[in-house]
Amino acid sequence: MERIIIDTDPGIDDAMAILLAVSAPDKIKIEALTTVDGNTDIDHATQNASAILKLCGREDIPVYKGRGEPLRGKAEICESSHGDNGLGDVKIDNGRIPLQRESAEEYLVRAAQDNKDVLTLMPIGPLTNIAGAVQRDENFVKNIKKIVLMGGAEHCGNMSPTAEFNFWHDPEAAKVVFEAGFKEIVMVGLDVTRKAFLTPAMRELLYQINTPLSGFIHQITRVYVDSYWEKLKNLGCELCDVLAAAYLIDDSVLKLKDAYVEIETAGLCRGTSVVYPVEIWKDKKKNCKVASDLDVKRLFRLFFEKQFPDHKESAAALIEQEYRDQ
């Protein structure tokens, strides 16, 4: 079983990633959520984290508030994709989970010290808190078992032709993390998340399942779907952060390759993750594994079966129909 800390900026797809992780207690033990600004400001991100945990009955999981600004510069958030409150403007009970006194960085350092080589970090927002912990404690890197993160891309971007949002939002933090020397980093970037597309039919199935959880996912994805249509004329939305949780539940959903990743922090390509596959660039020393392919049917079967087991047969039939060519 993986013992994980989810570092998050919820965020619509963050919310779905947290809900999926919670649905797999046989595979994942969530130690805490740490919050960071990104998809929304730090106050909304922290409120949303509590609200999501209340929705799924996991108010026992503590929440630690993190940084409200990148390591350098000012925060820029994504109201157009995630709504003013980060959850598609859907009103949700804030949960009132008592906020922990420690900051996210303080908690990360302490938890790593107390659980050496045990904890896996699952950052699904900008890497500001993780970089802060690296800078705060010289032993933090060696105390962490591994990192499975959503961020970056090898061949595409969504904030520029080459930069993905999480790395673009705080490239200095991403650079710190990738140069820190962690034992293992798994980078789940846009090259595979763009294949994880929630189709209109699958979104309708969530509506028809008609549980508080499925209804919540259906509601919050409305703004997300509208954003994809406005920008790309695509019907549906991609479940970026969900892939990090899915991989920790079933690592066969992703194909990985060894790589050296370097983060650009200036100029036109600010926030770009430059990926050197080490089988080609033999002079580069591996610092991570990069997701290069996705078993999309396995992903969505996992998504529906874990969260809505009573509807797994209907979901499986629909997934086969929607992705019959893959």
Protein backbone atom coordinates (compact mmCIF):
# COMPACT_ATOMS: atom_id res chain seq x y z
CA MET A 1 0.00 0.00 0.00
CA GLU A 2 1.23 3.48 -0.90
CA ARG A 3 1.22 6.05 1.89
CA ILE A 4 0.81 9.35 0.11
CA ILE A 5 0.59 13.09 0.64
CA ILE A 6 -1.44 14.87 -2.03
CA ASP A 7 -0.14 18.37 -2.77
CA THR A 8 -2.96 20.09 -4.62
CA ASP A 9 -4.54 23.29 -5.95
CA PRO A 10 -8.17 22.13 -6.33
CA GLY A 11 -9.11 22.69 -9.21
CA ILE A 12 -11.66 20.55 -11.04
CA ASP A 13 -9.36 17.74 -12.11
CA ASP A 14 -7.61 17.90 -8.72
CA ALA A 15 -10.97 17.25 -7.09
CA MET A 16 -11.51 14.18 -9.27
CA ALA A 17 -7.99 12.93 -8.53
CA ILE A 18 -8.58 13.23 -4.78
CA LEU A 19 -11.93 11.45 -5.05
CA LEU A 20 -10.35 8.59 -7.01
CA ALA A 21 -7.51 8.27 -4.50
CA VAL A 22 -10.00 8.16 -1.61
CA SER A 23 -11.95 5.40 -3.38
CA ALA A 24 -9.00 2.98 -3.24
CA PRO A 25 -8.17 2.43 0.46
CA ASP A 26 -6.84 -1.02 -0.41
CA LYS A 27 -4.11 0.59 -2.54
CA ILE A 28 -3.61 4.08 -1.09
CA LYS A 29 -3.45 5.55 2.41
CA ILE A 30 -3.78 9.32 2.25
CA GLU A 31 -1.76 10.89 5.07
CA ALA A 32 -2.74 14.52 4.36
CA LEU A 33 -3.58 17.13 1.76
CA THR A 34 -1.27 20.11 1.37
CA THR A 35 -2.55 23.06 -0.62
CA VAL A 36 -0.91 25.44 -3.06
CA ASP A 37 -2.12 28.25 -5.29
CA GLY A 38 -2.51 27.49 -8.98
CA ASN A 39 -5.90 26.65 -10.45
CA THR A 40 -7.30 29.01 -7.82
CA ASP A 41 -5.93 31.19 -5.02
CA ILE A 42 -4.59 29.59 -1.85
CA ASP A 43 -7.67 30.39 0.26
CA HIS A 44 -10.10 28.82 -2.21
CA ALA A 45 -7.71 25.90 -2.74
CA THR A 46 -7.63 25.19 0.98
CA GLN A 47 -11.41 25.55 1.39
CA ASN A 48 -11.95 23.28 -1.60
CA ALA A 49 -9.64 20.62 -0.19
CA SER A 50 -11.73 20.50 3.00
CA ALA A 51 -14.97 20.49 1.04
CA ILE A 52 -13.88 17.57 -1.15
CA LEU A 53 -12.88 15.53 1.90
CA LYS A 54 -16.23 16.25 3.56
CA LEU A 55 -18.08 15.22 0.41
CA CYS A 56 -16.48 11.77 0.46
CA GLY A 57 -16.66 11.31 4.21
CA ARG A 58 -12.92 11.63 4.89
CA GLU A 59 -12.81 14.52 7.32
CA ASP A 60 -10.19 12.52 9.22
CA ILE A 61 -7.57 13.50 6.63
CA PRO A 62 -5.76 16.68 7.75
CA VAL A 63 -5.29 19.72 5.51
CA TYR A 64 -2.20 21.93 5.61
CA LYS A 65 -2.22 25.33 3.93
CA GLY A 66 0.73 26.07 1.67
CA ARG A 67 2.21 28.99 -0.18
CA GLY A 68 0.02 31.56 -1.89
CA GLU A 69 2.65 32.72 -4.37
CA PRO A 70 5.27 31.06 -6.60
CA LEU A 71 8.89 31.12 -5.45
CA ARG A 72 9.31 34.22 -7.61
CA GLY A 73 6.81 36.59 -9.13
CA LYS A 74 3.04 36.83 -8.77
CA ALA A 75 0.41 34.11 -8.95
CA GLU A 76 -1.74 33.76 -12.05
CA ILE A 77 -4.81 31.54 -11.73
CA CYS A 78 -7.22 29.93 -14.21
CA GLU A 79 -10.76 31.23 -13.67
CA SER A 80 -11.64 30.58 -17.31
CA SER A 81 -11.02 26.84 -16.90
CA HIS A 82 -11.93 26.24 -13.27
CA GLY A 83 -14.38 29.02 -12.36
CA ASP A 84 -14.04 31.75 -9.75
CA ASN A 85 -13.94 29.29 -6.84
CA GLY A 86 -11.81 26.62 -8.55
CA LEU A 87 -14.65 24.07 -8.61
CA GLY A 88 -16.60 25.29 -11.60
CA ASP A 89 -18.53 27.81 -9.45
CA VAL A 90 -20.44 24.93 -7.84
CA LYS A 91 -21.40 25.75 -4.26
CA ILE A 92 -20.18 23.09 -1.86
CA ASP A 93 -20.10 22.73 1.92
CA ASN A 94 -16.65 23.89 3.02
CA GLY A 95 -16.52 21.07 5.52
CA ARG A 96 -14.89 23.14 8.26
CA ILE A 97 -12.09 20.64 8.73
CA PRO A 98 -9.80 22.32 11.30
CA LEU A 99 -6.82 23.79 9.47
CA GLN A 100 -3.55 22.49 10.86
CA ARG A 101 -1.23 25.00 12.52
CA GLU A 102 1.85 23.88 10.63
CA SER A 103 2.37 25.20 7.13
CA ALA A 104 2.45 22.73 4.26
CA GLU A 105 6.25 22.98 4.08
CA GLU A 106 6.68 22.44 7.81
CA TYR A 107 4.42 19.41 7.71
CA LEU A 108 6.14 17.93 4.65
CA VAL A 109 9.54 18.17 6.31
CA ARG A 110 8.29 16.71 9.61
CA ALA A 111 6.33 13.90 7.99
CA ALA A 112 9.33 12.92 5.87
CA GLN A 113 11.60 12.93 8.95
CA ASP A 114 9.15 10.77 10.90
CA ASN A 115 8.56 8.32 8.03
CA LYS A 116 11.89 7.99 6.26
CA ASP A 117 11.73 6.31 2.84
CA VAL A 118 8.03 5.53 3.32
CA LEU A 119 6.02 8.46 1.95
CA THR A 120 5.12 9.07 -1.68
CA LEU A 121 4.31 12.63 -2.72
CA MET A 122 1.54 13.18 -5.26
CA PRO A 123 1.84 16.82 -6.37
CA ILE A 124 -0.92 17.72 -8.82
CA GLY A 125 -0.44 21.49 -8.79
CA PRO A 126 2.57 23.80 -9.04
CA LEU A 127 5.58 22.42 -7.19
CA THR A 128 6.02 25.40 -4.86
CA ASN A 129 5.51 23.55 -1.57
CA ILE A 130 7.75 20.65 -2.58
CA ALA A 131 10.54 23.01 -3.61
CA GLY A 132 10.08 24.93 -0.35
CA ALA A 133 10.51 21.72 1.63
CA VAL A 134 13.67 20.90 -0.35
CA GLN A 135 15.11 24.32 0.49
CA ARG A 136 14.00 24.12 4.13
CA ASP A 137 15.60 20.75 4.97
CA GLU A 138 18.68 19.27 3.34
CA ASN A 139 17.52 15.76 4.32
CA PHE A 140 14.04 16.06 2.84
CA VAL A 141 15.01 14.63 -0.54
CA LYS A 142 16.53 11.44 0.84
CA ASN A 143 13.64 10.96 3.29
CA ILE A 144 10.99 10.77 0.53
CA LYS A 145 10.32 7.41 -1.14
CA LYS A 146 9.20 8.81 -4.51
CA ILE A 147 7.21 11.52 -6.26
CA VAL A 148 4.38 10.91 -8.74
CA LEU A 149 3.42 14.28 -10.19
CA MET A 150 1.17 15.72 -12.84
CA GLY A 151 2.99 18.41 -14.75
CA GLY A 152 5.11 19.21 -17.75
CA ALA A 153 5.09 17.80 -21.26
CA GLU A 154 7.52 16.47 -23.81
CA HIS A 155 5.90 17.61 -27.04
CA CYS A 156 3.15 20.13 -26.25
CA GLY A 157 1.92 22.86 -23.92
CA ASN A 158 -1.29 24.47 -22.75
CA MET A 159 -0.01 27.86 -21.55
CA SER A 160 2.38 28.30 -24.46
CA PRO A 161 3.26 26.02 -27.37
CA THR A 162 5.76 24.27 -25.06
CA ALA A 163 4.81 24.94 -21.41
CA GLU A 164 2.25 23.10 -19.25
CA PHE A 165 0.39 25.09 -16.57
CA ASN A 166 1.81 23.63 -13.33
CA PHE A 167 5.41 24.12 -14.44
CA TRP A 168 4.65 27.44 -16.16
CA HIS A 169 3.04 28.77 -12.97
CA ASP A 170 6.21 28.20 -10.94
CA PRO A 171 9.10 27.07 -13.14
CA GLU A 172 11.69 27.91 -10.49
CA ALA A 173 10.01 25.42 -8.15
CA ALA A 174 9.90 22.74 -10.84
CA LYS A 175 13.58 23.31 -11.52
CA VAL A 176 14.43 22.90 -7.82
CA VAL A 177 12.51 19.62 -7.63
CA PHE A 178 13.99 18.06 -10.76
CA GLU A 179 17.52 19.02 -9.76
CA ALA A 180 17.16 17.94 -6.11
CA GLY A 181 18.08 14.29 -6.56
CA PHE A 182 14.92 12.50 -5.41
CA LYS A 183 15.18 8.69 -5.56
CA GLU A 184 12.33 8.48 -8.08
CA ILE A 185 10.16 11.00 -9.90
CA VAL A 186 7.35 9.93 -12.21
CA MET A 187 6.28 12.80 -14.47
CA VAL A 188 2.77 12.49 -15.87
CA GLY A 189 2.54 15.21 -18.51
CA LEU A 190 0.24 16.49 -21.21
CA ASP A 191 1.46 13.93 -23.75
CA VAL A 192 -0.60 11.30 -21.95
CA THR A 193 -3.23 13.38 -20.14
CA ARG A 194 -4.60 14.57 -23.48
CA LYS A 195 -5.60 10.98 -24.17
CA ALA A 196 -7.62 10.83 -20.93
CA PHE A 197 -10.66 12.59 -22.36
CA LEU A 198 -13.98 12.42 -20.52
CA THR A 199 -16.45 12.23 -23.42
CA PRO A 200 -19.99 13.69 -23.39
CA ALA A 201 -21.42 10.17 -23.13
CA MET A 202 -19.31 9.33 -20.08
CA ARG A 203 -20.25 12.63 -18.48
CA GLU A 204 -23.92 11.81 -19.11
CA LEU A 205 -23.39 8.44 -17.42
CA LEU A 206 -22.20 10.31 -14.32
CA TYR A 207 -25.46 12.28 -14.38
CA GLN A 208 -27.53 9.10 -14.75
CA ILE A 209 -25.68 7.30 -11.93
CA ASN A 210 -27.20 10.04 -9.78
CA THR A 211 -25.23 9.80 -6.54
CA PRO A 212 -23.94 12.83 -4.63
CA LEU A 213 -20.44 12.01 -5.88
CA SER A 214 -21.35 11.46 -9.54
CA GLY A 215 -23.57 14.52 -9.49
CA PHE A 216 -20.76 16.62 -8.07
CA ILE A 217 -18.34 15.50 -10.81
CA HIS A 218 -20.99 16.16 -13.46
CA GLN A 219 -21.61 19.66 -12.11
CA ILE A 220 -18.01 20.81 -11.66
CA THR A 221 -17.00 19.66 -15.14
CA ARG A 222 -19.54 22.00 -16.80
CA VAL A 223 -17.13 24.97 -16.77
CA TYR A 224 -14.29 22.67 -17.79
CA VAL A 225 -16.23 21.36 -20.81
CA ASP A 226 -17.19 24.89 -21.83
CA SER A 227 -13.53 25.93 -21.65
CA TYR A 228 -12.42 23.06 -23.92
CA TRP A 229 -15.11 23.95 -26.43
CA GLU A 230 -14.24 27.64 -26.42
CA LYS A 231 -10.51 27.07 -26.81
CA LEU A 232 -10.27 23.88 -28.87
CA LYS A 233 -13.80 23.13 -30.16
CA ASN A 234 -13.58 19.74 -28.42
CA LEU A 235 -16.58 18.27 -26.64
CA GLY A 236 -15.55 16.93 -23.25
CA CYS A 237 -12.55 17.54 -21.02
CA GLU A 238 -9.30 15.85 -20.06
CA LEU A 239 -8.71 14.44 -16.59
CA CYS A 240 -5.10 15.56 -16.16
CA ASP A 241 -4.51 15.09 -12.44
CA VAL A 242 -6.58 11.91 -12.27
CA LEU A 243 -3.76 10.02 -14.00
CA ALA A 244 -1.41 10.50 -11.05
CA ALA A 245 -3.91 8.88 -8.69
CA ALA A 246 -4.74 6.16 -11.21
CA TYR A 247 -1.05 5.26 -11.59
CA LEU A 248 -0.65 4.88 -7.82
CA ILE A 249 -3.65 2.53 -7.78
CA ASP A 250 -2.66 0.56 -10.90
CA ASP A 251 0.70 1.35 -12.47
CA SER A 252 -0.20 -0.57 -15.64
CA VAL A 253 -2.32 2.37 -16.83
CA LEU A 254 0.85 4.17 -17.91
CA LYS A 255 3.90 3.29 -19.95
CA LEU A 256 7.05 5.04 -18.71
CA LYS A 257 10.46 5.82 -20.13
CA ASP A 258 13.66 6.88 -18.41
CA ALA A 259 14.59 10.49 -19.05
CA TYR A 260 16.52 13.53 -17.97
CA VAL A 261 14.20 16.52 -17.62
CA GLU A 262 15.43 20.09 -17.50
CA ILE A 263 13.14 23.05 -16.71
CA GLU A 264 13.46 26.36 -18.56
CA THR A 265 12.88 29.37 -16.28
CA ALA A 266 13.26 32.35 -18.62
CA GLY A 267 12.32 33.71 -22.02
CA LEU A 268 9.76 32.53 -24.53
CA CYS A 269 9.99 28.93 -23.32
CA ARG A 270 9.60 29.72 -19.60
CA GLY A 271 8.02 26.74 -17.85
CA THR A 272 8.98 24.24 -20.54
CA SER A 273 10.09 20.77 -19.48
CA VAL A 274 12.83 19.69 -21.88
CA VAL A 275 12.76 15.88 -22.00
CA TYR A 276 15.86 13.94 -22.97
CA PRO A 277 15.08 10.18 -23.27
CA VAL A 278 18.27 8.62 -21.95
CA GLU A 279 18.16 5.76 -24.43
CA ILE A 280 18.80 8.41 -27.10
CA TRP A 281 20.71 11.07 -25.15
CA LYS A 282 23.22 8.72 -23.58
CA ASP A 283 25.29 11.55 -22.08
CA LYS A 284 22.36 12.56 -19.86
CA LYS A 285 21.85 11.02 -16.43
CA LYS A 286 18.28 9.94 -15.67
CA ASN A 287 16.45 12.08 -13.11
CA CYS A 288 12.90 10.82 -13.67
CA LYS A 289 10.53 8.53 -15.51
CA VAL A 290 8.23 10.22 -18.02
CA ALA A 291 4.82 8.84 -18.96
CA SER A 292 4.86 8.14 -22.68
CA ASP A 293 1.60 6.25 -23.27
CA LEU A 294 -1.74 5.59 -21.60
CA ASP A 295 -4.09 2.60 -21.53
CA VAL A 296 -7.18 4.79 -21.76
CA LYS A 297 -9.72 1.98 -21.42
CA ARG A 298 -8.02 0.69 -18.27
CA LEU A 299 -7.96 4.23 -16.87
CA PHE A 300 -11.68 4.86 -17.29
CA ARG A 301 -12.63 1.36 -16.10
CA LEU A 302 -10.63 2.10 -12.97
CA PHE A 303 -12.25 5.55 -12.63
CA PHE A 304 -15.80 4.17 -12.73
CA GLU A 305 -15.28 0.82 -11.00
CA LYS A 306 -13.55 2.26 -7.95
CA GLN A 307 -16.00 5.11 -7.44
CA PHE A 308 -19.24 3.61 -8.78
CA PRO A 309 -18.92 -0.19 -8.47
CA ASP A 310 -22.67 -0.75 -8.88
CA HIS A 311 -22.42 0.65 -12.42
CA LYS A 312 -19.17 -0.95 -13.57
CA GLU A 313 -20.83 -3.08 -16.27
CA SER A 314 -22.62 -0.13 -17.85
CA ALA A 315 -19.43 1.91 -17.63
CA ALA A 316 -17.32 -0.87 -19.19
CA ALA A 317 -19.70 -1.18 -22.15
CA LEU A 318 -19.70 2.58 -22.71
CA ILE A 319 -15.92 2.86 -22.43
CA GLU A 320 -15.50 0.09 -24.99
CA GLN A 321 -17.84 1.92 -27.34
CA GLU A 322 -16.24 5.34 -26.84
CA TYR A 323 -12.69 4.04 -27.25
CA ARG A 324 -13.24 1.07 -29.54
CA ASP A 325 -10.34 2.05 -31.80
CA GLN A 326 -7.81 2.12 -28.96
